[in-house]
N, C-alpha and C. Protein backbone atom coordinates (compact mmCIF):
# COMPACT_ATOMS: atom_id res chain seq x y z
N UNK A 1 123.07 178.55 51.04
CA UNK A 1 124.35 178.24 50.26
C UNK A 1 125.33 177.28 50.82
N UNK A 2 125.10 177.37 52.22
CA UNK A 2 125.84 175.84 52.46
C UNK A 2 125.39 174.50 51.77
N UNK A 3 124.27 174.98 51.59
CA UNK A 3 123.94 172.89 51.07
C UNK A 3 124.59 173.58 49.24
N UNK A 4 124.51 174.40 49.38
CA UNK A 4 125.03 174.62 47.62
C UNK A 4 126.64 174.10 47.28
N UNK A 5 127.24 174.53 48.57
CA UNK A 5 129.18 174.63 48.58
C UNK A 5 128.76 172.89 49.65
N UNK A 6 128.15 172.38 49.87
CA UNK A 6 128.08 170.79 49.97
C UNK A 6 127.87 170.05 49.05
N UNK A 7 126.63 170.54 48.41
CA UNK A 7 126.53 169.57 46.74
C UNK A 7 127.84 169.85 45.71
N UNK A 8 128.22 171.17 45.60
CA UNK A 8 129.82 170.90 45.06
C UNK A 8 130.71 170.37 45.64
N UNK A 9 131.10 169.94 46.90
CA UNK A 9 131.82 169.44 47.98
C UNK A 9 133.20 170.32 48.05
N UNK A 10 132.59 171.45 48.41
CA UNK A 10 133.88 172.66 48.88
C UNK A 10 133.87 171.81 50.44
N UNK A 11 134.64 171.99 50.77
CA UNK A 11 135.41 172.19 52.15
C UNK A 11 134.39 173.33 52.87
N UNK A 12 134.31 173.16 53.99
CA UNK A 12 133.49 174.50 55.10
C UNK A 12 134.82 175.86 55.01
N UNK A 13 135.58 175.45 54.50
CA UNK A 13 137.02 177.11 54.48
C UNK A 13 136.11 177.70 53.22
N UNK A 14 136.75 176.97 52.32
CA UNK A 14 136.45 177.09 50.69
C UNK A 14 134.57 177.47 51.15
N UNK A 15 133.97 177.06 51.61
CA UNK A 15 132.54 177.39 51.48
C UNK A 15 132.02 178.80 51.98
N UNK A 16 133.14 178.96 52.70
CA UNK A 16 133.24 180.69 53.17
C UNK A 16 133.82 181.66 52.23
N UNK A 17 134.56 181.28 51.71
CA UNK A 17 134.72 182.18 50.62
C UNK A 17 134.45 182.04 49.39
N UNK A 18 133.35 181.24 49.15
CA UNK A 18 132.53 181.44 48.25
C UNK A 18 131.18 182.28 48.55
N UNK A 19 130.58 182.40 49.39
CA UNK A 19 129.74 183.07 50.35
C UNK A 19 130.25 184.28 50.50
N UNK A 20 131.47 184.70 50.38
CA UNK A 20 131.88 186.33 50.72
C UNK A 20 131.63 186.90 49.63
N UNK A 21 131.71 186.47 48.54
CA UNK A 21 131.67 187.05 47.65
C UNK A 21 130.36 187.52 46.53
N UNK A 22 129.00 186.53 47.50
CA UNK A 22 127.56 186.93 47.53
C UNK A 22 127.45 187.76 47.90
N UNK A 23 128.19 188.18 49.12
CA UNK A 23 128.38 189.41 49.92
C UNK A 23 127.70 191.25 49.30
N UNK A 24 126.80 191.37 49.56
CA UNK A 24 126.98 193.02 49.36
C UNK A 24 127.00 194.29 50.45
N UNK A 25 127.48 195.20 49.60
CA UNK A 25 127.32 196.53 50.87
C UNK A 25 127.94 196.58 52.66
N UNK A 26 127.25 196.90 52.93
CA UNK A 26 127.57 196.46 54.48
C UNK A 26 128.31 195.06 54.99
N UNK A 27 127.56 194.46 54.49
CA UNK A 27 127.63 192.96 54.35
C UNK A 27 129.06 192.31 53.96
N UNK A 28 129.58 192.78 52.69
CA UNK A 28 131.06 192.73 52.55
C UNK A 28 132.07 193.61 53.33
N UNK A 29 131.43 194.84 54.17
CA UNK A 29 132.00 195.28 54.38
C UNK A 29 132.54 194.80 55.56
N UNK A 30 131.60 194.31 56.35
CA UNK A 30 131.51 193.86 57.55
C UNK A 30 132.34 191.90 57.81
N UNK A 31 132.01 191.39 56.76
CA UNK A 31 133.16 190.43 56.26
C UNK A 31 134.44 190.73 56.31
N UNK A 32 135.16 191.62 55.59
CA UNK A 32 136.26 191.91 55.35
C UNK A 32 137.35 192.26 56.20
N UNK A 33 136.28 193.80 57.23
CA UNK A 33 136.54 193.82 58.65
C UNK A 33 137.11 192.47 59.69
N UNK A 34 135.87 191.43 59.87
CA UNK A 34 135.88 190.57 60.38
C UNK A 34 136.90 189.44 60.27
N UNK A 35 137.44 189.29 58.82
CA UNK A 35 138.15 188.64 58.42
C UNK A 35 140.00 189.55 59.55
N UNK A 36 140.35 190.57 59.18
CA UNK A 36 141.40 191.19 59.24
C UNK A 36 141.67 191.59 60.99
N UNK A 37 140.53 191.65 61.86
CA UNK A 37 140.45 191.87 63.17
C UNK A 37 140.50 189.86 63.83
N UNK A 38 140.75 189.16 63.04
CA UNK A 38 140.97 188.44 63.77
C UNK A 38 142.43 188.03 64.56
N UNK A 39 142.85 186.98 64.77
CA UNK A 39 144.16 187.05 65.54
C UNK A 39 145.26 186.39 64.21
N UNK A 40 146.06 186.51 63.85
CA UNK A 40 147.24 185.72 62.65
C UNK A 40 147.16 184.52 62.87
N UNK A 41 147.35 184.25 64.40
CA UNK A 41 147.92 182.72 64.84
C UNK A 41 146.60 181.95 64.91
N UNK A 42 145.20 182.65 64.92
CA UNK A 42 143.72 181.63 64.97
C UNK A 42 143.86 181.00 62.97
N UNK A 43 142.87 179.66 64.07
CA UNK A 43 142.44 179.05 62.54
C UNK A 43 141.68 179.64 61.78
N UNK A 44 141.59 178.59 60.55
CA UNK A 44 140.70 179.66 59.65
C UNK A 44 139.37 179.24 59.95
N UNK A 45 138.13 180.38 59.33
CA UNK A 45 137.32 181.09 60.17
C UNK A 45 136.35 179.61 58.72
N UNK A 46 135.97 178.77 59.65
CA UNK A 46 134.99 177.69 58.95
C UNK A 46 133.27 178.24 58.65
N UNK A 47 132.87 177.50 58.30
CA UNK A 47 131.30 178.01 58.30
C UNK A 47 130.80 178.15 59.91
N UNK A 48 130.61 177.04 59.98
CA UNK A 48 129.75 177.72 61.22
C UNK A 48 130.36 178.52 61.98
N UNK A 49 131.03 178.71 62.18
CA UNK A 49 131.43 180.16 63.49
C UNK A 49 131.34 181.37 62.17
N UNK A 50 131.26 181.48 61.05
CA UNK A 50 130.83 182.55 60.17
C UNK A 50 129.05 182.04 60.16
N UNK A 51 128.62 181.45 60.33
CA UNK A 51 127.78 181.14 59.86
C UNK A 51 127.18 181.86 61.56
N UNK A 52 127.04 181.76 62.59
CA UNK A 52 127.10 181.91 63.76
C UNK A 52 126.96 183.88 63.84
N UNK A 53 128.50 184.12 63.39
CA UNK A 53 128.66 185.40 63.47
C UNK A 53 127.72 186.35 62.68
N UNK A 54 128.34 186.30 61.45
CA UNK A 54 126.69 187.09 60.19
C UNK A 54 124.96 186.63 60.83
N UNK A 55 125.19 185.65 61.77
CA UNK A 55 123.21 185.47 62.24
C UNK A 55 123.46 186.59 63.30
N UNK A 56 124.68 186.60 64.09
CA UNK A 56 124.40 187.60 64.96
C UNK A 56 124.67 188.97 65.10
N UNK A 57 125.24 189.48 64.11
CA UNK A 57 125.66 190.97 63.46
C UNK A 57 124.41 191.18 62.93
N UNK A 58 123.60 190.49 61.94
CA UNK A 58 122.98 190.54 61.13
C UNK A 58 121.25 190.48 61.23
N UNK A 59 120.62 189.58 62.23
CA UNK A 59 120.17 188.76 62.40
C UNK A 59 119.76 188.64 64.06
N UNK A 60 119.84 188.92 65.09
CA UNK A 60 119.91 188.93 66.17
C UNK A 60 118.81 187.96 66.82
N UNK A 61 118.86 187.05 68.26
CA UNK A 61 117.69 186.03 68.10
C UNK A 61 116.63 186.84 68.73
N UNK A 62 117.03 188.09 69.51
CA UNK A 62 115.51 188.56 69.09
C UNK A 62 114.48 188.50 67.96
N UNK A 63 115.28 189.26 66.71
CA UNK A 63 114.37 189.81 65.88
C UNK A 63 113.99 187.76 65.17
N UNK A 64 114.95 187.33 64.97
CA UNK A 64 114.52 185.70 64.69
C UNK A 64 113.30 184.92 65.11
N UNK A 65 113.26 185.37 66.93
CA UNK A 65 112.53 184.79 67.50
C UNK A 65 111.11 185.45 67.68
N UNK A 66 111.36 186.51 66.72
CA UNK A 66 109.94 187.77 66.34
C UNK A 66 109.52 187.28 65.27
N UNK A 67 110.53 187.42 64.46
CA UNK A 67 109.90 186.79 62.65
C UNK A 67 109.06 185.15 62.96
N UNK A 68 109.85 184.04 63.73
CA UNK A 68 109.70 182.68 63.78
C UNK A 68 107.80 182.68 64.32
N UNK A 69 107.11 183.88 65.13
CA UNK A 69 106.20 183.76 65.15
C UNK A 69 105.18 184.27 64.47
N UNK A 70 105.81 185.30 63.96
CA UNK A 70 105.27 185.98 62.72
C UNK A 70 104.82 184.88 61.55
N UNK A 71 106.12 184.40 61.49
CA UNK A 71 106.03 182.72 60.18
C UNK A 71 104.51 181.69 60.85
N UNK A 72 104.42 181.65 61.72
CA UNK A 72 103.89 180.57 62.50
C UNK A 72 102.76 181.34 62.82
N UNK A 73 102.21 182.30 63.26
CA UNK A 73 100.71 182.69 62.50
C UNK A 73 100.17 183.23 61.63
N UNK A 74 100.77 183.20 60.54
CA UNK A 74 100.17 183.64 59.44
C UNK A 74 99.63 182.39 59.05
N UNK A 75 98.28 183.32 58.61
CA UNK A 75 97.25 182.31 57.95
C UNK A 75 97.14 182.94 56.52
N UNK A 76 96.64 181.32 55.98
CA UNK A 76 96.28 181.74 54.38
C UNK A 76 95.21 181.70 53.96
N UNK A 77 94.57 182.65 53.41
CA UNK A 77 92.76 182.84 53.30
C UNK A 77 92.85 182.12 51.57
N UNK A 78 91.74 182.42 50.80
CA UNK A 78 91.60 182.21 49.61
C UNK A 78 92.28 182.71 48.73
N UNK A 79 92.38 184.33 48.49
CA UNK A 79 92.20 184.81 48.36
C UNK A 79 93.98 185.59 48.28
N UNK A 80 94.70 185.47 49.26
CA UNK A 80 95.82 185.77 49.56
C UNK A 80 96.79 184.81 48.70
N UNK A 81 97.74 185.58 48.33
CA UNK A 81 98.55 185.08 47.52
C UNK A 81 99.91 186.02 48.66
N UNK A 82 101.37 185.13 47.82
CA UNK A 82 102.64 185.36 48.59
C UNK A 82 103.08 186.54 48.13
N UNK A 83 102.89 187.02 47.29
CA UNK A 83 103.13 188.50 46.68
C UNK A 83 102.71 189.44 47.47
N UNK A 84 101.22 188.91 48.09
CA UNK A 84 100.41 189.88 48.86
C UNK A 84 100.83 189.72 50.29
N UNK A 85 101.30 188.59 50.92
CA UNK A 85 101.79 189.05 52.50
C UNK A 85 103.05 189.92 52.35
N UNK A 86 104.02 189.01 51.15
CA UNK A 86 105.87 189.38 51.74
C UNK A 86 105.53 191.09 51.36
N UNK A 87 105.24 191.42 50.29
CA UNK A 87 105.71 192.68 49.29
C UNK A 87 105.05 194.07 50.93
N UNK A 88 103.66 194.10 51.19
CA UNK A 88 103.62 194.86 52.23
C UNK A 88 104.87 194.83 53.07
N UNK A 89 105.12 193.55 53.82
CA UNK A 89 105.95 193.48 54.64
C UNK A 89 107.53 193.99 54.85
N UNK A 90 108.01 194.09 53.69
CA UNK A 90 109.42 194.27 52.52
C UNK A 90 109.11 196.24 52.58
N UNK A 91 108.51 196.64 52.85
CA UNK A 91 107.90 197.90 52.42
C UNK A 91 107.35 198.86 53.45
N UNK A 92 108.07 198.92 54.40
CA UNK A 92 107.07 199.61 56.02
C UNK A 92 107.45 200.94 55.89
N UNK A 93 108.68 201.28 55.29
CA UNK A 93 108.32 203.17 55.03
C UNK A 93 109.01 203.23 53.66
N UNK A 94 108.70 204.93 53.30
CA UNK A 94 108.56 204.79 52.34
C UNK A 94 110.26 204.88 51.61
N UNK A 95 111.51 205.03 52.47
CA UNK A 95 112.29 205.05 51.87
C UNK A 95 112.64 202.71 51.73
N UNK A 96 112.53 202.45 52.07
CA UNK A 96 112.04 201.09 51.40
C UNK A 96 111.49 200.59 50.24
N UNK A 97 110.75 201.70 49.92
CA UNK A 97 109.56 201.70 48.59
C UNK A 97 110.78 202.05 47.73
N UNK A 98 111.29 203.31 48.48
CA UNK A 98 112.17 204.11 47.04
C UNK A 98 113.69 202.59 47.15
N UNK A 99 113.78 202.12 47.85
CA UNK A 99 115.28 201.11 47.41
C UNK A 99 114.74 200.24 46.86
N UNK A 100 113.86 199.58 47.13
CA UNK A 100 112.50 198.42 45.88
C UNK A 100 112.95 198.87 44.79
N UNK A 101 112.48 200.06 44.37
CA UNK A 101 111.99 200.44 43.51
C UNK A 101 113.47 200.76 42.73
N UNK A 102 114.47 201.32 43.20
CA UNK A 102 116.05 201.18 42.89
C UNK A 102 116.58 200.12 42.65
N UNK A 103 115.88 198.86 42.73
CA UNK A 103 116.95 197.82 42.98
C UNK A 103 115.91 197.30 41.54
N UNK A 104 114.79 197.58 41.26
CA UNK A 104 114.04 197.06 40.23
C UNK A 104 114.89 197.53 38.65
N UNK A 105 114.58 199.48 38.88
CA UNK A 105 115.17 200.02 38.06
C UNK A 105 116.58 199.16 37.70
N UNK A 106 117.23 199.33 38.81
CA UNK A 106 118.78 198.59 38.31
C UNK A 106 119.10 197.08 37.45
N UNK A 107 117.52 196.51 37.78
CA UNK A 107 118.25 194.97 37.32
C UNK A 107 117.20 195.39 35.98
N UNK A 108 116.51 196.81 35.44
CA UNK A 108 116.38 196.63 34.35
C UNK A 108 117.05 197.53 33.05
N UNK A 109 117.30 198.03 33.90
CA UNK A 109 119.14 198.63 33.12
C UNK A 109 119.73 197.74 32.44
N UNK A 110 119.97 197.07 33.75
CA UNK A 110 121.33 196.28 33.18
C UNK A 110 120.58 195.44 32.51
N UNK A 111 119.30 194.47 32.58
CA UNK A 111 118.86 193.58 31.03
C UNK A 111 119.21 194.62 29.91
N UNK A 112 118.91 196.08 29.91
CA UNK A 112 118.36 196.31 28.81
C UNK A 112 120.23 196.65 27.81
N UNK A 113 121.06 196.48 29.39
CA UNK A 113 122.17 196.44 28.45
C UNK A 113 122.76 195.73 28.14
N UNK A 114 122.77 194.18 28.82
CA UNK A 114 122.70 193.19 27.70
C UNK A 114 122.28 193.14 27.19
N UNK A 115 120.90 193.59 26.63
CA UNK A 115 120.16 193.38 25.14
C UNK A 115 121.27 193.96 24.14
N UNK A 116 121.46 195.11 24.44
CA UNK A 116 122.42 196.35 23.37
C UNK A 116 123.58 195.76 23.20
N UNK A 117 124.15 194.97 24.49
CA UNK A 117 125.32 194.81 24.02
C UNK A 117 125.67 193.30 22.92
N UNK A 118 124.26 192.52 23.14
CA UNK A 118 124.16 190.99 22.80
C UNK A 118 124.14 191.63 21.03
N UNK A 119 122.82 192.74 21.17
CA UNK A 119 122.78 193.24 19.91
C UNK A 119 123.67 193.76 19.20
N UNK A 120 124.48 194.54 19.64
CA UNK A 120 125.52 195.14 19.01
C UNK A 120 126.57 193.52 18.70
N UNK A 121 127.15 192.57 19.32
CA UNK A 121 127.73 191.55 19.05
C UNK A 121 127.07 191.28 17.89
N UNK A 122 125.97 190.67 17.85
CA UNK A 122 125.34 190.19 16.35
C UNK A 122 125.43 191.09 14.87
N UNK A 123 125.42 192.22 15.67
CA UNK A 123 125.25 193.30 14.30
C UNK A 123 126.95 193.00 13.89
N UNK A 124 128.00 193.47 14.78
CA UNK A 124 129.32 193.00 14.33
C UNK A 124 129.55 192.46 13.54
N UNK A 125 129.29 190.85 14.01
CA UNK A 125 129.35 189.40 13.97
C UNK A 125 128.69 189.75 12.05
N UNK A 126 127.64 189.80 12.02
CA UNK A 126 127.06 190.69 10.71
C UNK A 126 127.77 191.40 9.74
N UNK A 127 127.99 192.08 9.95
CA UNK A 127 129.12 193.39 9.21
C UNK A 127 130.66 192.69 8.73
N UNK A 128 131.06 191.30 9.59
CA UNK A 128 132.01 190.90 10.29
C UNK A 128 132.01 189.84 8.62
N UNK A 129 130.85 189.77 8.91
CA UNK A 129 130.16 188.37 7.22
C UNK A 129 130.54 189.28 6.33
N UNK A 130 129.69 190.41 6.21
CA UNK A 130 129.05 191.02 5.24
C UNK A 130 130.40 191.70 4.59
N UNK A 131 131.23 192.36 5.15
CA UNK A 131 132.78 192.76 4.56
C UNK A 131 133.60 191.49 4.12
N UNK A 132 133.27 190.35 5.12
CA UNK A 132 134.07 188.89 4.03
C UNK A 132 133.76 188.71 2.82
N UNK A 133 132.28 188.58 2.82
CA UNK A 133 131.42 188.29 1.44
C UNK A 133 131.82 189.24 0.73
N UNK A 134 131.88 190.83 0.53
CA UNK A 134 132.37 191.64 -0.17
C UNK A 134 133.22 191.26 -0.67
N UNK A 135 134.18 191.12 0.24
CA UNK A 135 135.99 191.26 -0.44
C UNK A 135 135.52 190.25 -1.34
N UNK A 136 135.03 188.38 -1.03
CA UNK A 136 134.99 187.58 -1.96
C UNK A 136 134.68 187.83 -3.21
N UNK A 137 133.84 189.39 -3.55
CA UNK A 137 133.27 189.93 -4.33
C UNK A 137 134.06 190.45 -5.53
N UNK A 138 134.20 191.28 -4.61
CA UNK A 138 135.78 192.15 -5.22
C UNK A 138 136.67 191.16 -5.31
N UNK A 139 137.61 190.44 -4.75
CA UNK A 139 138.07 189.56 -5.69
C UNK A 139 137.98 188.81 -6.50
N UNK A 140 137.08 188.25 -6.72
CA UNK A 140 136.31 187.16 -7.48
C UNK A 140 137.33 188.00 -9.31
N UNK A 141 136.82 188.93 -9.04
CA UNK A 141 136.33 189.62 -10.80
C UNK A 141 137.97 189.73 -10.96
N UNK A 142 139.33 189.65 -10.42
CA UNK A 142 140.13 189.62 -10.10
C UNK A 142 141.12 188.11 -10.44
N UNK A 143 140.95 187.54 -9.90
CA UNK A 143 140.92 185.82 -10.05
C UNK A 143 140.40 185.17 -11.32
N UNK A 144 138.87 186.28 -11.79
CA UNK A 144 138.71 185.72 -13.20
C UNK A 144 139.37 186.32 -14.43
N UNK A 145 139.87 187.30 -14.29
CA UNK A 145 140.57 188.02 -15.05
C UNK A 145 141.93 187.23 -15.81
N UNK A 146 142.33 186.28 -14.95
CA UNK A 146 143.53 185.78 -14.84
C UNK A 146 143.32 184.18 -15.17
N UNK A 147 142.45 184.15 -15.25
CA UNK A 147 141.44 182.20 -15.74
C UNK A 147 141.13 182.53 -17.19
N UNK A 148 141.59 181.18 -18.42
CA UNK A 148 141.31 181.11 -19.21
C UNK A 148 139.78 181.51 -19.54
N UNK A 149 139.74 182.14 -20.75
CA UNK A 149 138.76 182.62 -21.21
C UNK A 149 137.61 181.23 -21.37
N UNK A 150 137.55 180.18 -21.70
CA UNK A 150 136.88 179.53 -22.68
C UNK A 150 135.92 178.86 -21.09
N UNK A 151 136.67 179.06 -19.87
CA UNK A 151 136.53 178.24 -18.56
C UNK A 151 135.00 178.84 -18.13
N UNK A 152 134.85 180.68 -18.78
CA UNK A 152 134.00 181.35 -18.24
C UNK A 152 132.52 181.56 -19.07
N UNK A 153 132.06 180.69 -19.54
CA UNK A 153 131.23 179.97 -20.61
C UNK A 153 129.74 180.24 -19.86
N UNK A 154 129.78 179.86 -17.77
CA UNK A 154 128.52 180.41 -17.42
C UNK A 154 128.49 181.64 -17.36
N UNK A 155 129.49 182.56 -17.17
CA UNK A 155 128.69 183.96 -17.49
C UNK A 155 127.97 184.89 -17.50
N UNK A 156 127.51 183.89 -19.45
CA UNK A 156 126.84 184.42 -20.64
C UNK A 156 125.66 184.04 -19.29
N UNK A 157 125.31 183.76 -18.78
CA UNK A 157 123.99 183.51 -17.99
C UNK A 157 123.77 184.87 -17.22
N UNK A 158 124.29 185.55 -16.94
CA UNK A 158 124.53 186.69 -15.46
C UNK A 158 124.49 187.90 -16.93
N UNK A 159 123.37 188.72 -17.02
CA UNK A 159 123.51 190.22 -18.01
C UNK A 159 124.03 191.04 -17.29
N UNK A 160 125.06 191.02 -15.71
CA UNK A 160 125.85 192.12 -14.77
C UNK A 160 127.32 191.85 -15.19
N UNK A 161 127.83 192.95 -15.48
CA UNK A 161 129.50 192.39 -15.70
C UNK A 161 129.61 192.10 -14.20
N UNK A 162 130.66 191.32 -13.97
CA UNK A 162 131.38 191.95 -12.72
C UNK A 162 131.89 192.88 -11.78
N UNK A 163 131.99 194.03 -12.51
CA UNK A 163 132.29 195.36 -12.02
C UNK A 163 130.75 195.99 -11.44
N UNK A 164 129.82 195.52 -12.32
CA UNK A 164 128.55 196.43 -11.97
C UNK A 164 128.47 195.30 -10.47
N UNK A 165 127.92 193.84 -10.64
CA UNK A 165 128.35 193.09 -9.45
C UNK A 165 128.66 193.43 -8.04
N UNK A 166 129.71 193.94 -8.17
CA UNK A 166 130.96 194.38 -6.78
C UNK A 166 130.24 195.69 -6.35
N UNK A 167 130.21 196.35 -7.46
CA UNK A 167 129.35 197.84 -7.52
C UNK A 167 128.07 197.61 -6.98
N UNK A 168 127.19 197.27 -7.56
CA UNK A 168 125.47 196.66 -6.76
C UNK A 168 125.59 195.82 -5.29
N UNK A 169 126.99 195.35 -4.81
CA UNK A 169 126.67 194.67 -3.27
C UNK A 169 127.63 195.77 -2.43
N UNK A 170 128.69 196.32 -2.68
CA UNK A 170 128.75 197.62 -2.24
C UNK A 170 127.84 198.92 -1.59
N UNK A 171 126.83 198.74 -3.14
CA UNK A 171 125.43 199.96 -2.74
C UNK A 171 124.65 199.72 -1.69
N UNK A 172 124.22 197.94 -1.37
CA UNK A 172 123.85 197.59 -0.89
C UNK A 172 123.83 197.63 1.10
N UNK A 173 125.19 197.60 0.99
CA UNK A 173 125.65 197.36 2.72
C UNK A 173 125.59 199.51 2.85
């Protein structure tokens, strides 16, 4: 996140504000309480101070050292893929598996809702266009009736009257 904010040219303080929007659940509660507990005369919280406080709270040095040793000791074999190594470590308990399943279900429900809203928007747009077209078909006979009959010779090619066409269009919808 720090690299993204740096690439965007955001200041240290602005980077922290942007990063706080990405936090969820307990981390979001933590940053809110952390900001409120700071003295009123304290300088604005910068990225380095936030990074240190966040890592101390959610990833203590002992955990970081253990994870670093695990990573250094990791050896890849021919049949080993990242998913085979990472997945078992993520789900050490039944509750971790349930949390992972809920996360996957949540993403699939969000994707389904997005597809449905896109489908509804497309259907509404098509209905609106169809209604405009029907409106033109209904208005057209009135405009034809007010024109000079000598200009209507092209209608002889059509076997249906304008009322038949309007009724047909309305039935099709």
